[in-house]
N, C-alpha and C. Protein backbone atom coordinates (compact mmCIF):
# COMPACT_ATOMS: atom_id res chain seq x y z
N PRO A 1 113.19 71.86 89.84
CA PRO A 1 113.59 72.92 89.00
C PRO A 1 113.15 74.21 89.45
N VAL A 2 113.96 75.44 89.09
CA VAL A 2 113.80 76.74 89.25
C VAL A 2 113.01 77.29 88.31
N PHE A 3 111.96 78.15 88.64
CA PHE A 3 111.17 78.90 87.61
C PHE A 3 111.52 80.37 87.71
N LYS A 4 112.03 80.82 86.56
CA LYS A 4 112.41 82.27 86.56
C LYS A 4 111.28 83.19 86.10
N VAL A 5 110.92 84.29 86.90
CA VAL A 5 109.95 84.99 86.65
C VAL A 5 110.72 86.51 86.40
N LEU A 6 110.43 87.11 85.17
CA LEU A 6 110.95 88.47 84.97
C LEU A 6 109.88 89.43 85.33
N ILE A 7 110.16 90.37 85.97
CA ILE A 7 109.16 91.58 86.42
C ILE A 7 109.43 92.75 85.81
N ASN A 8 108.57 93.35 85.12
CA ASN A 8 108.83 94.74 84.53
C ASN A 8 107.77 95.76 85.34
N ALA A 9 108.46 96.69 86.02
CA ALA A 9 107.85 97.61 86.79
C ALA A 9 107.97 99.02 86.14
N THR A 10 108.45 99.21 85.00
CA THR A 10 108.68 100.36 84.37
C THR A 10 107.36 101.29 84.12
N GLN A 11 106.16 100.58 84.04
CA GLN A 11 104.90 101.29 83.80
C GLN A 11 104.25 101.78 85.01
N LEU A 12 104.73 101.87 86.25
CA LEU A 12 104.09 102.09 87.51
C LEU A 12 104.28 103.66 87.77
N LYS A 13 104.76 104.44 86.83
CA LYS A 13 104.69 105.96 87.08
C LYS A 13 105.33 106.27 88.56
N LEU A 14 106.28 105.48 88.86
CA LEU A 14 107.16 105.86 90.14
C LEU A 14 107.86 107.09 89.87
N GLY A 15 107.98 108.04 90.81
CA GLY A 15 108.72 109.33 90.73
C GLY A 15 107.75 110.41 89.87
N GLU A 16 106.68 109.99 89.48
CA GLU A 16 105.75 110.86 88.77
C GLU A 16 104.34 110.93 89.63
N GLU A 17 103.55 109.99 89.43
CA GLU A 17 102.23 109.94 90.10
C GLU A 17 102.44 109.30 91.54
N PHE A 18 103.29 108.23 91.59
CA PHE A 18 103.63 107.44 92.86
C PHE A 18 105.09 107.70 93.28
N SER A 19 105.22 107.82 94.59
CA SER A 19 106.59 107.87 95.28
C SER A 19 107.29 106.65 95.26
N ASN A 20 106.61 105.58 95.80
CA ASN A 20 107.20 104.26 95.86
C ASN A 20 106.19 103.25 95.88
N ALA A 21 106.58 101.93 95.99
CA ALA A 21 105.68 100.84 95.95
C ALA A 21 106.37 99.65 96.60
N ILE A 22 105.54 98.78 97.30
CA ILE A 22 105.96 97.46 97.84
C ILE A 22 105.41 96.41 97.00
N LEU A 23 106.14 95.51 96.50
CA LEU A 23 105.51 94.32 95.66
C LEU A 23 105.69 93.12 96.50
N THR A 24 104.63 92.21 96.77
CA THR A 24 104.83 91.10 97.67
C THR A 24 104.35 89.96 96.57
N LEU A 25 105.24 89.07 96.48
CA LEU A 25 104.91 87.89 95.51
C LEU A 25 104.84 86.57 96.34
N ASN A 26 103.89 85.90 96.10
CA ASN A 26 103.74 84.56 96.81
C ASN A 26 103.50 83.47 95.72
N TYR A 27 104.25 82.34 96.07
CA TYR A 27 104.05 81.01 95.38
C TYR A 27 103.76 79.96 96.36
N ASN A 28 102.60 79.30 96.12
CA ASN A 28 102.17 78.30 97.17
C ASN A 28 101.67 77.11 96.34
N GLY A 29 102.83 76.36 95.88
CA GLY A 29 102.62 75.13 95.00
C GLY A 29 103.18 74.00 95.88
N ASP A 30 103.97 73.11 95.31
CA ASP A 30 104.63 72.04 96.08
C ASP A 30 105.61 72.60 97.07
N THR A 31 106.07 73.86 96.94
CA THR A 31 106.87 74.40 97.99
C THR A 31 106.14 75.92 98.15
N THR A 32 106.68 76.66 99.19
CA THR A 32 106.21 77.99 99.40
C THR A 32 107.30 79.02 99.32
N ASP A 33 106.97 80.06 98.54
CA ASP A 33 108.09 80.97 98.65
C ASP A 33 107.50 82.54 98.57
N THR A 34 107.94 83.34 99.42
CA THR A 34 107.40 84.89 99.44
C THR A 34 108.52 85.63 99.27
N ARG A 35 108.38 86.76 98.51
CA ARG A 35 109.38 87.76 98.32
C ARG A 35 108.62 89.07 98.32
N GLU A 36 109.39 90.09 98.98
CA GLU A 36 108.83 91.42 99.07
C GLU A 36 109.95 92.35 98.62
N ILE A 37 109.38 93.15 97.57
CA ILE A 37 110.34 94.09 96.87
C ILE A 37 110.00 95.54 96.99
N PHE A 38 111.03 96.41 97.58
CA PHE A 38 110.67 97.72 97.63
C PHE A 38 111.08 98.41 96.22
N LEU A 39 110.20 99.22 95.80
CA LEU A 39 110.24 99.98 94.33
C LEU A 39 110.29 101.35 94.62
N ASP A 40 111.17 101.85 93.86
CA ASP A 40 111.24 103.42 93.71
C ASP A 40 111.67 103.75 92.28
N LYS A 41 111.71 105.05 91.87
CA LYS A 41 111.93 105.24 90.46
C LYS A 41 113.09 104.65 90.00
N THR A 42 114.36 104.41 90.78
CA THR A 42 115.57 103.84 90.37
C THR A 42 115.32 102.25 90.17
N THR A 43 114.82 101.66 91.30
CA THR A 43 114.68 100.11 91.08
C THR A 43 113.67 99.79 90.13
N ALA A 44 112.67 100.54 89.81
CA ALA A 44 111.66 100.06 88.90
C ALA A 44 112.09 100.36 87.42
N SER A 45 113.12 101.03 87.21
CA SER A 45 113.52 101.31 85.95
C SER A 45 114.34 100.31 85.09
N HIS A 46 114.60 99.13 85.80
CA HIS A 46 115.18 97.94 85.04
C HIS A 46 114.41 96.68 85.34
N MET A 47 114.54 95.61 84.66
CA MET A 47 113.80 94.34 84.89
C MET A 47 114.37 93.77 86.06
N LEU A 48 113.19 93.19 86.81
CA LEU A 48 113.56 92.53 88.14
C LEU A 48 113.52 91.00 87.87
N THR A 49 114.09 90.14 88.70
CA THR A 49 113.98 88.71 88.52
C THR A 49 113.78 88.05 89.89
N TRP A 50 112.76 87.14 89.75
CA TRP A 50 112.35 86.25 91.04
C TRP A 50 112.60 84.83 90.65
N TYR A 51 113.16 84.19 91.43
CA TYR A 51 113.43 82.63 91.14
C TYR A 51 112.58 81.88 92.08
N ILE A 52 111.73 81.07 91.62
CA ILE A 52 110.93 80.31 92.32
C ILE A 52 111.35 78.83 92.39
N PRO A 53 111.76 78.39 93.74
CA PRO A 53 112.06 76.85 93.59
C PRO A 53 110.75 76.06 93.79
N ARG A 54 110.79 74.87 92.84
CA ARG A 54 109.62 74.11 92.94
C ARG A 54 110.01 72.67 92.46
N ALA A 55 109.15 71.84 92.89
CA ALA A 55 109.44 70.46 92.62
C ALA A 55 108.77 69.92 91.34
N ASP A 56 107.66 70.54 90.97
CA ASP A 56 106.99 70.32 89.73
C ASP A 56 106.89 71.18 88.57
N ASN A 57 107.41 70.90 87.49
CA ASN A 57 107.39 71.81 86.50
C ASN A 57 106.15 72.40 85.89
N SER A 58 105.05 71.65 86.15
CA SER A 58 103.75 72.14 85.71
C SER A 58 103.19 73.26 86.64
N GLN A 59 103.62 73.39 87.85
CA GLN A 59 102.98 74.45 88.63
C GLN A 59 103.77 75.76 88.67
N SER A 60 103.12 76.73 88.01
CA SER A 60 103.79 78.05 87.80
C SER A 60 102.91 79.18 88.03
N THR A 61 101.82 78.95 88.85
CA THR A 61 100.89 79.99 89.27
C THR A 61 101.48 80.80 90.53
N TYR A 62 101.28 82.02 90.43
CA TYR A 62 101.72 82.88 91.71
C TYR A 62 100.91 84.01 91.87
N SER A 63 100.88 84.51 92.99
CA SER A 63 100.08 85.65 93.20
C SER A 63 100.90 86.88 93.56
N TYR A 64 100.32 88.00 93.48
CA TYR A 64 101.07 89.28 93.89
C TYR A 64 100.13 90.38 94.45
N LEU A 65 100.70 91.18 95.28
CA LEU A 65 100.04 92.39 95.96
C LEU A 65 100.91 93.50 95.72
N LEU A 66 100.48 94.50 95.06
CA LEU A 66 101.28 95.77 94.77
C LEU A 66 100.66 96.95 95.71
N LYS A 67 101.32 97.44 96.58
CA LYS A 67 101.05 98.56 97.26
C LYS A 67 101.84 99.94 96.82
N LEU A 68 101.07 100.89 96.17
CA LEU A 68 101.77 102.03 95.63
C LEU A 68 101.41 103.22 96.66
N THR A 69 102.38 103.95 96.91
CA THR A 69 102.24 105.26 97.64
C THR A 69 102.18 106.47 96.75
N GLU A 70 100.96 107.11 96.77
CA GLU A 70 100.97 108.37 95.90
C GLU A 70 101.85 109.53 96.61
N GLN A 71 102.00 110.62 95.91
CA GLN A 71 103.02 111.57 96.26
C GLN A 71 102.46 112.32 97.67
N ASP A 72 101.07 112.28 97.61
CA ASP A 72 100.51 112.83 99.12
C ASP A 72 100.40 111.81 100.29
N GLY A 73 101.01 110.56 99.97
CA GLY A 73 100.94 109.61 101.08
C GLY A 73 99.74 108.65 100.98
N THR A 74 98.87 108.80 100.17
CA THR A 74 97.79 107.87 100.04
C THR A 74 98.03 106.63 99.49
N ALA A 75 97.68 105.50 99.94
CA ALA A 75 98.22 104.11 99.45
C ALA A 75 97.10 103.58 98.58
N VAL A 76 97.46 103.01 97.58
CA VAL A 76 96.71 102.36 96.49
C VAL A 76 97.04 100.86 96.33
N GLU A 77 96.28 99.92 96.30
CA GLU A 77 96.59 98.56 96.23
C GLU A 77 95.85 97.91 94.99
N THR A 78 96.61 97.04 94.54
CA THR A 78 96.09 96.29 93.49
C THR A 78 96.67 94.85 93.56
N SER A 79 96.24 93.89 93.20
CA SER A 79 96.66 92.45 93.35
C SER A 79 96.09 91.37 92.21
N GLY A 80 96.68 90.39 92.12
CA GLY A 80 96.30 89.45 91.08
C GLY A 80 96.94 88.06 91.11
N THR A 81 96.50 87.22 90.31
CA THR A 81 97.13 85.96 90.17
C THR A 81 97.70 85.69 88.66
N HIS A 82 98.80 85.30 88.62
CA HIS A 82 99.61 85.16 87.40
C HIS A 82 100.17 83.81 86.95
N GLN A 83 100.23 83.42 85.77
CA GLN A 83 101.05 82.28 85.43
C GLN A 83 101.82 82.55 84.30
N GLY A 84 103.16 82.38 84.42
CA GLY A 84 104.05 82.72 83.22
C GLY A 84 105.36 83.37 83.74
N SER A 85 106.24 83.42 82.87
CA SER A 85 107.64 83.95 83.17
C SER A 85 107.77 85.39 83.10
N MET A 86 106.67 86.21 82.71
CA MET A 86 106.77 87.65 82.53
C MET A 86 105.58 88.26 83.13
N LEU A 87 106.00 89.04 84.21
CA LEU A 87 104.95 89.79 85.12
C LEU A 87 105.15 91.19 84.61
N VAL A 88 104.12 91.92 83.94
CA VAL A 88 104.21 93.25 83.73
C VAL A 88 103.30 94.05 84.59
N LEU A 89 103.86 94.79 85.53
CA LEU A 89 103.06 95.59 86.41
C LEU A 89 102.63 97.09 85.88
N GLN A 90 101.33 97.31 86.12
CA GLN A 90 100.98 98.68 85.47
C GLN A 90 100.18 99.40 86.63
N ALA A 91 100.34 100.70 86.67
CA ALA A 91 99.84 101.59 87.67
C ALA A 91 98.22 101.46 87.46
N PRO A 92 97.52 101.46 88.57
CA PRO A 92 96.09 101.32 88.47
C PRO A 92 95.49 102.64 88.14
N VAL A 93 94.48 102.55 87.40
CA VAL A 93 93.68 103.80 86.88
C VAL A 93 92.78 104.19 87.84
N HIS A 94 92.96 105.47 88.39
CA HIS A 94 91.99 105.97 89.39
C HIS A 94 91.81 107.38 89.38
């Protein structure tokens, strides 16, 4: 079965505090799937979708690494592990 993850990136402040971002998603369950998504103000303005192929319905934990680029070129990273069909990304407080 395929696991559908909706990704909300509208709270990343792209085009304001940050110029762009790269989101790397990893699923390492019964199968392995890695997805890398480039985000800017336009692409982050709507819901994104990631389909994870898996053999076991009970395995829905995945990790992410978010690399944001500030307007001056400084890189800011945040990461985490998530379980569920909705991933809401937020700009880190710094």
